[in-house]
Amino acid sequence: MAQIRTVKCPQCGASVRWVPENRFRPFCSERCKQIDLGAWASEDYRVPAAAEGDPGEQSPSGRSTQD
């Protein structure tokens, strides 16, 4: 028999069963899912970008910006 996998809710840290019946996975509830969605919508989560003129940055043509 297969063991049921559990993960931690990324929002509150509660244990969550990773099963198809859990429609909110990886979240524990709709509330945690909505809190996370709201954080993305308000741009609380951001991917850092290279500063303009960064020596390691490449131009769209594939050449270094310092060439």
C-alpha atoms as a PDB file:
ATOM      1  CA  MET A   1       0.000   0.000   0.000  1.00  0.00           C
ATOM      2  CA  ALA A   2       1.312   3.457  -0.893  1.00  0.00           C
ATOM      3  CA  GLN A   3       2.214   5.853   1.888  1.00  0.00           C
ATOM      4  CA  ILE A   4       0.352   9.183   1.834  1.00  0.00           C
ATOM      5  CA  ARG A   5       2.778  12.057   1.468  1.00  0.00           C
ATOM      6  CA  THR A   6       2.417  15.102   3.704  1.00  0.00           C
ATOM      7  CA  VAL A   7       3.855  18.553   3.073  1.00  0.00           C
ATOM      8  CA  LYS A   8       3.818  21.800   5.020  1.00  0.00           C
ATOM      9  CA  CYS A   9       1.417  24.543   3.937  1.00  0.00           C
ATOM     10  CA  PRO A  10       3.605  27.306   2.459  1.00  0.00           C
ATOM     11  CA  GLN A  11       1.487  29.936   4.195  1.00  0.00           C
ATOM     12  CA  CYS A  12       0.902  28.695   7.752  1.00  0.00           C
ATOM     13  CA  GLY A  13       3.102  25.609   8.051  1.00  0.00           C
ATOM     14  CA  ALA A  14       0.299  23.148   8.883  1.00  0.00           C
ATOM     15  CA  SER A  15       0.706  19.543   7.718  1.00  0.00           C
ATOM     16  CA  VAL A  16      -1.186  18.882   4.489  1.00  0.00           C
ATOM     17  CA  ARG A  17      -1.968  15.513   2.929  1.00  0.00           C
ATOM     18  CA  TRP A  18      -0.810  15.472  -0.709  1.00  0.00           C
ATOM     19  CA  VAL A  19      -3.824  13.680  -2.199  1.00  0.00           C
ATOM     20  CA  PRO A  20      -6.041  14.488  -5.216  1.00  0.00           C
ATOM     21  CA  GLU A  21      -8.998  15.051  -2.878  1.00  0.00           C
ATOM     22  CA  ASN A  22      -7.246  18.090  -1.369  1.00  0.00           C
ATOM     23  CA  ARG A  23      -8.224  20.760  -3.886  1.00  0.00           C
ATOM     24  CA  PHE A  24      -6.156  23.434  -2.113  1.00  0.00           C
ATOM     25  CA  ARG A  25      -2.808  21.619  -2.170  1.00  0.00           C
ATOM     26  CA  PRO A  26      -0.113  22.584  -1.390  1.00  0.00           C
ATOM     27  CA  PHE A  27      -2.136  24.857   0.900  1.00  0.00           C
ATOM     28  CA  CYS A  28      -4.165  23.589   3.844  1.00  0.00           C
ATOM     29  CA  SER A  29      -7.254  25.667   3.087  1.00  0.00           C
ATOM     30  CA  GLU A  30      -8.824  28.157   0.732  1.00  0.00           C
ATOM     31  CA  ARG A  31      -7.899  30.913   3.193  1.00  0.00           C
ATOM     32  CA  CYS A  32      -4.161  30.181   2.949  1.00  0.00           C
ATOM     33  CA  LYS A  33      -4.445  29.903  -0.831  1.00  0.00           C
ATOM     34  CA  GLN A  34      -6.144  33.322  -1.036  1.00  0.00           C
ATOM     35  CA  ILE A  35      -3.586  34.950   1.277  1.00  0.00           C
ATOM     36  CA  ASP A  36      -0.799  33.706  -1.008  1.00  0.00           C
ATOM     37  CA  LEU A  37      -2.633  34.882  -4.134  1.00  0.00           C
ATOM     38  CA  GLY A  38      -3.104  38.305  -2.547  1.00  0.00           C
ATOM     39  CA  ALA A  39       0.619  38.521  -1.805  1.00  0.00           C
ATOM     40  CA  TRP A  40       1.418  37.824  -5.476  1.00  0.00           C
ATOM     41  CA  ALA A  41      -1.190  40.360  -6.635  1.00  0.00           C
ATOM     42  CA  SER A  42       0.226  43.080  -4.374  1.00  0.00           C
ATOM     43  CA  GLU A  43       3.755  42.228  -5.580  1.00  0.00           C
ATOM     44  CA  ASP A  44       4.995  41.163  -2.142  1.00  0.00           C
ATOM     45  CA  TYR A  45       6.879  38.354  -3.904  1.00  0.00           C
ATOM     46  CA  ARG A  46       9.486  39.561  -6.371  1.00  0.00           C
ATOM     47  CA  VAL A  47      12.234  38.002  -8.414  1.00  0.00           C
ATOM     48  CA  PRO A  48      15.410  40.075  -8.117  1.00  0.00           C
ATOM     49  CA  ALA A  49      16.630  41.520 -11.395  1.00  0.00           C
ATOM     50  CA  ALA A  50      20.140  42.525 -12.371  1.00  0.00           C
ATOM     51  CA  ALA A  51      20.831  46.236 -12.030  1.00  0.00           C
ATOM     52  CA  GLU A  52      21.274  48.198 -15.254  1.00  0.00           C
ATOM     53  CA  GLY A  53      24.860  48.126 -16.392  1.00  0.00           C
ATOM     54  CA  ASP A  54      25.676  45.028 -14.342  1.00  0.00           C
ATOM     55  CA  PRO A  55      28.923  43.616 -15.811  1.00  0.00           C
ATOM     56  CA  GLY A  56      27.542  40.072 -15.960  1.00  0.00           C
ATOM     57  CA  GLU A  57      24.343  41.101 -17.716  1.00  0.00           C
ATOM     58  CA  GLN A  58      23.814  40.000 -21.303  1.00  0.00           C
ATOM     59  CA  SER A  59      21.995  41.947 -23.991  1.00  0.00           C
ATOM     60  CA  PRO A  60      19.151  40.303 -25.958  1.00  0.00           C
ATOM     61  CA  SER A  61      21.600  39.660 -28.837  1.00  0.00           C
ATOM     62  CA  GLY A  62      23.607  37.384 -26.519  1.00  0.00           C
ATOM     63  CA  ARG A  63      26.621  39.704 -26.315  1.00  0.00           C
ATOM     64  CA  SER A  64      27.833  41.207 -23.090  1.00  0.00           C
ATOM     65  CA  THR A  65      26.770  44.819 -22.539  1.00  0.00           C
ATOM     66  CA  GLN A  66      30.453  45.728 -22.139  1.00  0.00           C
ATOM     67  CA  ASP A  67      31.419  44.591 -25.681  1.00  0.00           C
END
